[in-house]
Amino acid sequence: MELTYYGRSCVRIRGREATIAYDPYTSIVGPTGRGITADIVTLSHPDDAPLARVKGRLAPRDGRTPIATSLDNAVVLEGPGEYEVKSVLITGIRSYRDNHRGPAARHNTVFYAEIDGIHVVHLGDHAEGFSTDQIKELPGADIVLVPVGGELSAEAASALISELGPKIVIPMPMTDDVTKANAAVRAFCKEEGLTTPPTAQPKLTITISGLPEETTTIVVEPRGEAFGAE
């Protein structure tokens, strides 16, 4: 399994059976997608700043999030539910992007998928709203992609990781500002008991037999960005 990080909550995972692009918003990857391809696209929430005049189709559920043209042939998944695409089982679980409820609620979908035997949890822009029962819907999480520097505090992010107990945790800075992104990663790593963040790597390639015994934080560089350079 190969994992590439594009910035904010956008991640691509290539497996043997299929490739998943998580949150490939045009505001991150551009209107053409800059060559990013996938069999499956998951959207944790509508694009907050969709580009105008994108030629591609719109996400079928929200009807306003444009899909990059390089992902025209991908199956788009939005919202809670159980899905199976190209032999990949995916579960979407409702959470929230902030503390608002009712008409002002900003919903988020956490996606849980099994890829090459590895259970991956993409938290999207999750901030709060996970119940104990929902945590039980994420059994045996091996890799958790957690947002940092957004509505979810470093303390809350670390507490959630403790509940999920993954083998690998990958922080996703929810900002394009390099200085703020670095600060968010440092704050999260401090909560995880690390004095300094681990050296960022261009991508992560992992097999189920290569998973660490204990929870390990891995920092992946945003593609095309000099993460860590200030």
C-alpha atoms as a PDB file:
ATOM      1  CA  MET A   1       0.000   0.000   0.000  1.00  0.00           C
ATOM      2  CA  GLU A   2       1.308   3.429  -0.983  1.00  0.00           C
ATOM      3  CA  LEU A   3       0.127   6.637   0.683  1.00  0.00           C
ATOM      4  CA  THR A   4       0.686  10.115  -0.782  1.00  0.00           C
ATOM      5  CA  TYR A   5      -0.301  13.327   0.984  1.00  0.00           C
ATOM      6  CA  TYR A   6      -1.426  16.361  -1.053  1.00  0.00           C
ATOM      7  CA  GLY A   7      -2.148  18.854   1.719  1.00  0.00           C
ATOM      8  CA  ARG A   8      -4.936  19.578   4.205  1.00  0.00           C
ATOM      9  CA  SER A   9      -7.132  16.450   4.307  1.00  0.00           C
ATOM     10  CA  CYS A  10      -6.281  15.248   0.789  1.00  0.00           C
ATOM     11  CA  VAL A  11      -4.621  11.828   0.679  1.00  0.00           C
ATOM     12  CA  ARG A  12      -4.299   9.155  -1.998  1.00  0.00           C
ATOM     13  CA  ILE A  13      -3.840   5.496  -1.135  1.00  0.00           C
ATOM     14  CA  ARG A  14      -2.917   2.955  -3.802  1.00  0.00           C
ATOM     15  CA  GLY A  15      -3.739  -0.657  -2.996  1.00  0.00           C
ATOM     16  CA  ARG A  16      -3.672  -3.860  -5.004  1.00  0.00           C
ATOM     17  CA  GLU A  17      -7.414  -3.815  -5.664  1.00  0.00           C
ATOM     18  CA  ALA A  18      -8.128  -0.105  -5.915  1.00  0.00           C
ATOM     19  CA  THR A  19      -6.906   3.449  -5.366  1.00  0.00           C
ATOM     20  CA  ILE A  20      -8.754   5.827  -3.042  1.00  0.00           C
ATOM     21  CA  ALA A  21      -8.472   9.626  -3.158  1.00  0.00           C
ATOM     22  CA  TYR A  22      -9.675  11.198   0.082  1.00  0.00           C
ATOM     23  CA  ASP A  23     -10.893  14.818  -0.110  1.00  0.00           C
ATOM     24  CA  PRO A  24      -9.292  15.702  -3.477  1.00  0.00           C
ATOM     25  CA  TYR A  25     -10.926  19.126  -3.527  1.00  0.00           C
ATOM     26  CA  THR A  26     -10.149  21.322  -6.512  1.00  0.00           C
ATOM     27  CA  SER A  27      -9.066  24.010  -4.036  1.00  0.00           C
ATOM     28  CA  ILE A  28      -6.198  21.627  -3.172  1.00  0.00           C
ATOM     29  CA  VAL A  29      -5.412  19.665  -6.362  1.00  0.00           C
ATOM     30  CA  GLY A  30      -6.628  22.195  -8.922  1.00  0.00           C
ATOM     31  CA  PRO A  31      -9.378  21.888 -11.572  1.00  0.00           C
ATOM     32  CA  THR A  32      -7.576  19.183 -13.550  1.00  0.00           C
ATOM     33  CA  GLY A  33      -6.334  17.256 -10.515  1.00  0.00           C
ATOM     34  CA  ARG A  34      -2.710  17.619 -11.648  1.00  0.00           C
ATOM     35  CA  GLY A  35      -2.666  13.984 -12.687  1.00  0.00           C
ATOM     36  CA  ILE A  36      -4.150  12.477  -9.538  1.00  0.00           C
ATOM     37  CA  THR A  37      -6.206   9.415 -10.448  1.00  0.00           C
ATOM     38  CA  ALA A  38      -8.277   6.999  -8.361  1.00  0.00           C
ATOM     39  CA  ASP A  39     -11.022   4.414  -8.549  1.00  0.00           C
ATOM     40  CA  ILE A  40     -12.803   5.852  -5.508  1.00  0.00           C
ATOM     41  CA  VAL A  41     -13.182   9.427  -4.261  1.00  0.00           C
ATOM     42  CA  THR A  42     -14.406  10.105  -0.724  1.00  0.00           C
ATOM     43  CA  LEU A  43     -15.567  13.539   0.386  1.00  0.00           C
ATOM     44  CA  SER A  44     -15.745  14.136   4.118  1.00  0.00           C
ATOM     45  CA  HIS A  45     -17.631  17.395   3.608  1.00  0.00           C
ATOM     46  CA  PRO A  46     -18.486  19.855   0.809  1.00  0.00           C
ATOM     47  CA  ASP A  47     -15.598  21.903  -0.550  1.00  0.00           C
ATOM     48  CA  ASP A  48     -15.363  25.137   1.460  1.00  0.00           C
ATOM     49  CA  ALA A  49     -13.816  27.099  -1.404  1.00  0.00           C
ATOM     50  CA  PRO A  50     -14.645  25.358  -4.699  1.00  0.00           C
ATOM     51  CA  LEU A  51     -12.951  26.753  -7.768  1.00  0.00           C
ATOM     52  CA  ALA A  52     -15.176  28.528 -10.249  1.00  0.00           C
ATOM     53  CA  ARG A  53     -15.640  27.300 -13.819  1.00  0.00           C
ATOM     54  CA  VAL A  54     -14.312  23.795 -13.247  1.00  0.00           C
ATOM     55  CA  LYS A  55     -15.228  21.651 -16.261  1.00  0.00           C
ATOM     56  CA  GLY A  56     -15.627  18.390 -14.348  1.00  0.00           C
ATOM     57  CA  ARG A  57     -18.804  17.001 -12.837  1.00  0.00           C
ATOM     58  CA  LEU A  58     -20.237  17.951  -9.458  1.00  0.00           C
ATOM     59  CA  ALA A  59     -20.406  15.626  -6.453  1.00  0.00           C
ATOM     60  CA  PRO A  60     -23.766  13.851  -6.758  1.00  0.00           C
ATOM     61  CA  ARG A  61     -24.974  14.314  -3.173  1.00  0.00           C
ATOM     62  CA  ASP A  62     -24.079  17.902  -2.305  1.00  0.00           C
ATOM     63  CA  GLY A  63     -24.395  19.099  -5.902  1.00  0.00           C
ATOM     64  CA  ARG A  64     -21.837  21.883  -5.565  1.00  0.00           C
ATOM     65  CA  THR A  65     -18.424  20.340  -4.956  1.00  0.00           C
ATOM     66  CA  PRO A  66     -16.618  20.035  -8.304  1.00  0.00           C
ATOM     67  CA  ILE A  67     -14.632  16.884  -9.026  1.00  0.00           C
ATOM     68  CA  ALA A  68     -11.238  17.373 -10.680  1.00  0.00           C
ATOM     69  CA  THR A  69     -11.300  16.248 -14.314  1.00  0.00           C
ATOM     70  CA  SER A  70      -8.574  13.632 -13.751  1.00  0.00           C
ATOM     71  CA  LEU A  71     -11.072  11.884 -11.432  1.00  0.00           C
ATOM     72  CA  ASP A  72     -13.993  11.869 -13.870  1.00  0.00           C
ATOM     73  CA  ASN A  73     -14.219   8.066 -13.852  1.00  0.00           C
ATOM     74  CA  ALA A  74     -13.997   7.601 -10.074  1.00  0.00           C
ATOM     75  CA  VAL A  75     -16.906   6.467  -7.893  1.00  0.00           C
ATOM     76  CA  VAL A  76     -17.699   9.346  -5.514  1.00  0.00           C
ATOM     77  CA  LEU A  77     -18.729   8.514  -1.928  1.00  0.00           C
ATOM     78  CA  GLU A  78     -20.301  11.122   0.352  1.00  0.00           C
ATOM     79  CA  GLY A  79     -21.955  10.759   3.716  1.00  0.00           C
ATOM     80  CA  PRO A  80     -22.564   7.902   6.128  1.00  0.00           C
ATOM     81  CA  GLY A  81     -23.221   4.405   4.859  1.00  0.00           C
ATOM     82  CA  GLU A  82     -21.651   1.090   3.933  1.00  0.00           C
ATOM     83  CA  TYR A  83     -20.080   0.809   0.504  1.00  0.00           C
ATOM     84  CA  GLU A  84     -18.230  -1.775  -1.574  1.00  0.00           C
ATOM     85  CA  VAL A  85     -16.292  -0.641  -4.634  1.00  0.00           C
ATOM     86  CA  LYS A  86     -13.834  -2.869  -6.498  1.00  0.00           C
ATOM     87  CA  SER A  87     -13.765  -5.322  -3.575  1.00  0.00           C
ATOM     88  CA  VAL A  88     -12.882  -2.539  -1.123  1.00  0.00           C
ATOM     89  CA  LEU A  89     -15.239  -2.267   1.866  1.00  0.00           C
ATOM     90  CA  ILE A  90     -15.754   1.298   3.098  1.00  0.00           C
ATOM     91  CA  THR A  91     -17.866   2.613   5.967  1.00  0.00           C
ATOM     92  CA  GLY A  92     -18.824   6.274   6.339  1.00  0.00           C
ATOM     93  CA  ILE A  93     -19.588   7.514   9.862  1.00  0.00           C
ATOM     94  CA  ARG A  94     -21.161  10.879  10.744  1.00  0.00           C
ATOM     95  CA  SER A  95     -19.315  13.393  12.910  1.00  0.00           C
ATOM     96  CA  TYR A  96     -19.116  17.189  13.088  1.00  0.00           C
ATOM     97  CA  ARG A  97     -16.648  19.875  12.040  1.00  0.00           C
ATOM     98  CA  ASP A  98     -17.358  22.105  15.051  1.00  0.00           C
ATOM     99  CA  ASN A  99     -19.694  22.335  18.046  1.00  0.00           C
ATOM    100  CA  HIS A 100     -22.708  23.643  16.127  1.00  0.00           C
ATOM    101  CA  ARG A 101     -25.802  21.455  15.892  1.00  0.00           C
ATOM    102  CA  GLY A 102     -29.214  21.766  14.275  1.00  0.00           C
ATOM    103  CA  PRO A 103     -29.517  23.911  11.122  1.00  0.00           C
ATOM    104  CA  ALA A 104     -26.063  25.418  11.738  1.00  0.00           C
ATOM    105  CA  ALA A 105     -24.351  22.020  11.984  1.00  0.00           C
ATOM    106  CA  ARG A 106     -21.394  21.404   9.697  1.00  0.00           C
ATOM    107  CA  HIS A 107     -21.339  17.675   9.090  1.00  0.00           C
ATOM    108  CA  ASN A 108     -18.254  15.567   8.490  1.00  0.00           C
ATOM    109  CA  THR A 109     -17.934  11.962   7.372  1.00  0.00           C
ATOM    110  CA  VAL A 110     -15.189   9.734   8.743  1.00  0.00           C
ATOM    111  CA  PHE A 111     -14.295   6.964   6.295  1.00  0.00           C
ATOM    112  CA  TYR A 112     -13.073   3.549   7.437  1.00  0.00           C
ATOM    113  CA  ALA A 113     -11.686   1.242   4.739  1.00  0.00           C
ATOM    114  CA  GLU A 114      -9.764  -1.990   4.459  1.00  0.00           C
ATOM    115  CA  ILE A 115      -6.990  -1.748   1.877  1.00  0.00           C
ATOM    116  CA  ASP A 116      -4.586  -4.647   1.331  1.00  0.00           C
ATOM    117  CA  GLY A 117      -5.647  -6.022   4.705  1.00  0.00           C
ATOM    118  CA  ILE A 118      -4.810  -2.723   6.439  1.00  0.00           C
ATOM    119  CA  HIS A 119      -7.628  -0.832   8.168  1.00  0.00           C
ATOM    120  CA  VAL A 120      -7.416   2.887   7.416  1.00  0.00           C
ATOM    121  CA  VAL A 121      -9.408   5.632   9.151  1.00  0.00           C
ATOM    122  CA  HIS A 122      -9.569   9.018   7.413  1.00  0.00           C
ATOM    123  CA  LEU A 123     -11.023  11.518   9.877  1.00  0.00           C
ATOM    124  CA  GLY A 124     -11.513  14.278   7.319  1.00  0.00           C
ATOM    125  CA  ASP A 125     -12.155  17.572   9.094  1.00  0.00           C
ATOM    126  CA  HIS A 126     -13.501  15.891  12.229  1.00  0.00           C
ATOM    127  CA  ALA A 127     -13.763  18.058  15.327  1.00  0.00           C
ATOM    128  CA  GLU A 128     -16.188  16.297  17.655  1.00  0.00           C
ATOM    129  CA  GLY A 129     -19.294  14.163  17.920  1.00  0.00           C
ATOM    130  CA  PHE A 130     -17.882  10.630  18.203  1.00  0.00           C
ATOM    131  CA  SER A 131     -19.836   8.441  20.581  1.00  0.00           C
ATOM    132  CA  THR A 132     -18.587   5.247  22.166  1.00  0.00           C
ATOM    133  CA  ASP A 133     -20.790   3.290  19.770  1.00  0.00           C
ATOM    134  CA  GLN A 134     -19.229   5.072  16.796  1.00  0.00           C
ATOM    135  CA  ILE A 135     -15.747   4.294  18.061  1.00  0.00           C
ATOM    136  CA  LYS A 136     -16.811   0.637  18.034  1.00  0.00           C
ATOM    137  CA  GLU A 137     -17.540   1.006  14.308  1.00  0.00           C
ATOM    138  CA  LEU A 138     -13.788   1.510  13.755  1.00  0.00           C
ATOM    139  CA  PRO A 139     -12.390  -1.804  15.038  1.00  0.00           C
ATOM    140  CA  GLY A 140      -8.748  -2.643  14.636  1.00  0.00           C
ATOM    141  CA  ALA A 141      -7.689   0.666  13.102  1.00  0.00           C
ATOM    142  CA  ASP A 142      -4.158   0.274  11.737  1.00  0.00           C
ATOM    143  CA  ILE A 143      -3.623   3.741  10.236  1.00  0.00           C
ATOM    144  CA  VAL A 144      -5.421   6.907  11.314  1.00  0.00           C
ATOM    145  CA  LEU A 145      -5.201  10.139   9.334  1.00  0.00           C
ATOM    146  CA  VAL A 146      -5.949  12.882  11.852  1.00  0.00           C
ATOM    147  CA  PRO A 147      -6.559  16.609  11.198  1.00  0.00           C
ATOM    148  CA  VAL A 148      -4.378  19.014  13.191  1.00  0.00           C
ATOM    149  CA  GLY A 149      -4.374  22.790  13.403  1.00  0.00           C
ATOM    150  CA  GLY A 150      -8.126  23.067  12.758  1.00  0.00           C
ATOM    151  CA  GLU A 151     -11.175  22.797  15.001  1.00  0.00           C
ATOM    152  CA  LEU A 152      -9.843  19.582  16.582  1.00  0.00           C
ATOM    153  CA  SER A 153      -7.367  20.591  19.288  1.00  0.00           C
ATOM    154  CA  ALA A 154      -4.049  18.813  19.684  1.00  0.00           C
ATOM    155  CA  GLU A 155      -5.210  17.483  23.052  1.00  0.00           C
ATOM    156  CA  ALA A 156      -8.482  16.144  21.634  1.00  0.00           C
ATOM    157  CA  ALA A 157      -6.666  14.648  18.642  1.00  0.00           C
ATOM    158  CA  SER A 158      -4.256  12.798  20.917  1.00  0.00           C
ATOM    159  CA  ALA A 159      -7.110  11.573  23.129  1.00  0.00           C
ATOM    160  CA  LEU A 160      -8.956  10.248  20.069  1.00  0.00           C
ATOM    161  CA  ILE A 161      -5.819   8.438  18.902  1.00  0.00           C
ATOM    162  CA  SER A 162      -5.576   6.822  22.339  1.00  0.00           C
ATOM    163  CA  GLU A 163      -9.148   5.562  21.970  1.00  0.00           C
ATOM    164  CA  LEU A 164      -8.584   4.203  18.476  1.00  0.00           C
ATOM    165  CA  GLY A 165      -5.173   2.668  19.247  1.00  0.00           C
ATOM    166  CA  PRO A 166      -3.763   2.569  15.696  1.00  0.00           C
ATOM    167  CA  LYS A 167      -0.344   1.288  14.680  1.00  0.00           C
ATOM    168  CA  ILE A 168       0.381   4.421  12.637  1.00  0.00           C
ATOM    169  CA  VAL A 169      -0.965   7.957  12.987  1.00  0.00           C
ATOM    170  CA  ILE A 170      -0.421  10.559  10.276  1.00  0.00           C
ATOM    171  CA  PRO A 171      -1.205  14.206  11.108  1.00  0.00           C
ATOM    172  CA  MET A 172      -2.871  16.287   8.376  1.00  0.00           C
ATOM    173  CA  PRO A 173      -2.348  20.040   8.911  1.00  0.00           C
ATOM    174  CA  MET A 174      -5.589  21.795   7.963  1.00  0.00           C
ATOM    175  CA  THR A 175      -3.801  24.851   6.614  1.00  0.00           C
ATOM    176  CA  ASP A 176      -1.697  25.729   3.577  1.00  0.00           C
ATOM    177  CA  ASP A 177       0.498  28.056   5.626  1.00  0.00           C
ATOM    178  CA  VAL A 178       3.785  26.238   6.202  1.00  0.00           C
ATOM    179  CA  THR A 179       4.561  27.953   9.501  1.00  0.00           C
ATOM    180  CA  LYS A 180       1.107  27.206  10.913  1.00  0.00           C
ATOM    181  CA  ALA A 181       1.247  23.640   9.566  1.00  0.00           C
ATOM    182  CA  ASN A 182       4.571  22.990  11.263  1.00  0.00           C
ATOM    183  CA  ALA A 183       3.277  24.451  14.530  1.00  0.00           C
ATOM    184  CA  ALA A 184       0.170  22.233  14.376  1.00  0.00           C
ATOM    185  CA  VAL A 185       2.259  19.107  13.818  1.00  0.00           C
ATOM    186  CA  ARG A 186       4.636  20.042  16.643  1.00  0.00           C
ATOM    187  CA  ALA A 187       1.731  20.613  19.031  1.00  0.00           C
ATOM    188  CA  PHE A 188       0.197  17.249  18.174  1.00  0.00           C
ATOM    189  CA  CYS A 189       3.524  15.423  18.470  1.00  0.00           C
ATOM    190  CA  LYS A 190       4.083  17.023  21.876  1.00  0.00           C
ATOM    191  CA  GLU A 191       0.740  15.613  23.032  1.00  0.00           C
ATOM    192  CA  GLU A 192       1.875  12.228  21.721  1.00  0.00           C
ATOM    193  CA  GLY A 193       4.980  12.413  23.913  1.00  0.00           C
ATOM    194  CA  LEU A 194       7.469  13.350  21.212  1.00  0.00           C
ATOM    195  CA  THR A 195       9.976  16.137  21.863  1.00  0.00           C
ATOM    196  CA  THR A 196      10.284  16.869  18.131  1.00  0.00           C
ATOM    197  CA  PRO A 197       8.263  15.684  15.116  1.00  0.00           C
ATOM    198  CA  PRO A 198       9.773  12.826  13.116  1.00  0.00           C
ATOM    199  CA  THR A 199      11.502  13.714   9.864  1.00  0.00           C
ATOM    200  CA  ALA A 200       8.924  14.119   7.111  1.00  0.00           C
ATOM    201  CA  GLN A 201       9.048  11.563   4.308  1.00  0.00           C
ATOM    202  CA  PRO A 202       7.846  11.958   0.696  1.00  0.00           C
ATOM    203  CA  LYS A 203       5.306   9.125   0.941  1.00  0.00           C
ATOM    204  CA  LEU A 204       4.519   6.045   2.999  1.00  0.00           C
ATOM    205  CA  THR A 205       4.784   2.539   1.610  1.00  0.00           C
ATOM    206  CA  ILE A 206       3.617  -0.132   4.047  1.00  0.00           C
ATOM    207  CA  THR A 207       2.423  -3.726   4.185  1.00  0.00           C
ATOM    208  CA  ILE A 208       0.432  -5.395   6.932  1.00  0.00           C
ATOM    209  CA  SER A 209       3.533  -7.293   8.061  1.00  0.00           C
ATOM    210  CA  GLY A 210       5.466  -4.031   8.292  1.00  0.00           C
ATOM    211  CA  LEU A 211       3.107  -2.324  10.733  1.00  0.00           C
ATOM    212  CA  PRO A 212       4.831  -1.302  13.994  1.00  0.00           C
ATOM    213  CA  GLU A 213       3.922  -2.936  17.285  1.00  0.00           C
ATOM    214  CA  GLU A 214       3.129   0.345  19.054  1.00  0.00           C
ATOM    215  CA  THR A 215       1.474   3.547  17.876  1.00  0.00           C
ATOM    216  CA  THR A 216       3.954   5.447  15.722  1.00  0.00           C
ATOM    217  CA  THR A 217       3.571   8.989  14.402  1.00  0.00           C
ATOM    218  CA  ILE A 218       4.678   9.455  10.795  1.00  0.00           C
ATOM    219  CA  VAL A 219       4.816  12.820   9.034  1.00  0.00           C
ATOM    220  CA  VAL A 220       4.324  12.778   5.258  1.00  0.00           C
ATOM    221  CA  GLU A 221       5.270  15.791   3.134  1.00  0.00           C
ATOM    222  CA  PRO A 222       2.520  17.462   1.121  1.00  0.00           C
ATOM    223  CA  ARG A 223       3.253  16.626  -2.492  1.00  0.00           C
ATOM    224  CA  GLY A 224       5.172  19.425  -4.162  1.00  0.00           C
ATOM    225  CA  GLU A 225       5.608  21.333  -0.908  1.00  0.00           C
ATOM    226  CA  ALA A 226       8.749  21.776   1.178  1.00  0.00           C
ATOM    227  CA  PHE A 227       7.033  20.884   4.434  1.00  0.00           C
ATOM    228  CA  GLY A 228       9.180  21.818   7.376  1.00  0.00           C
ATOM    229  CA  ALA A 229      10.998  24.600   5.549  1.00  0.00           C
ATOM    230  CA  GLU A 230      10.401  28.004   7.050  1.00  0.00           C
END
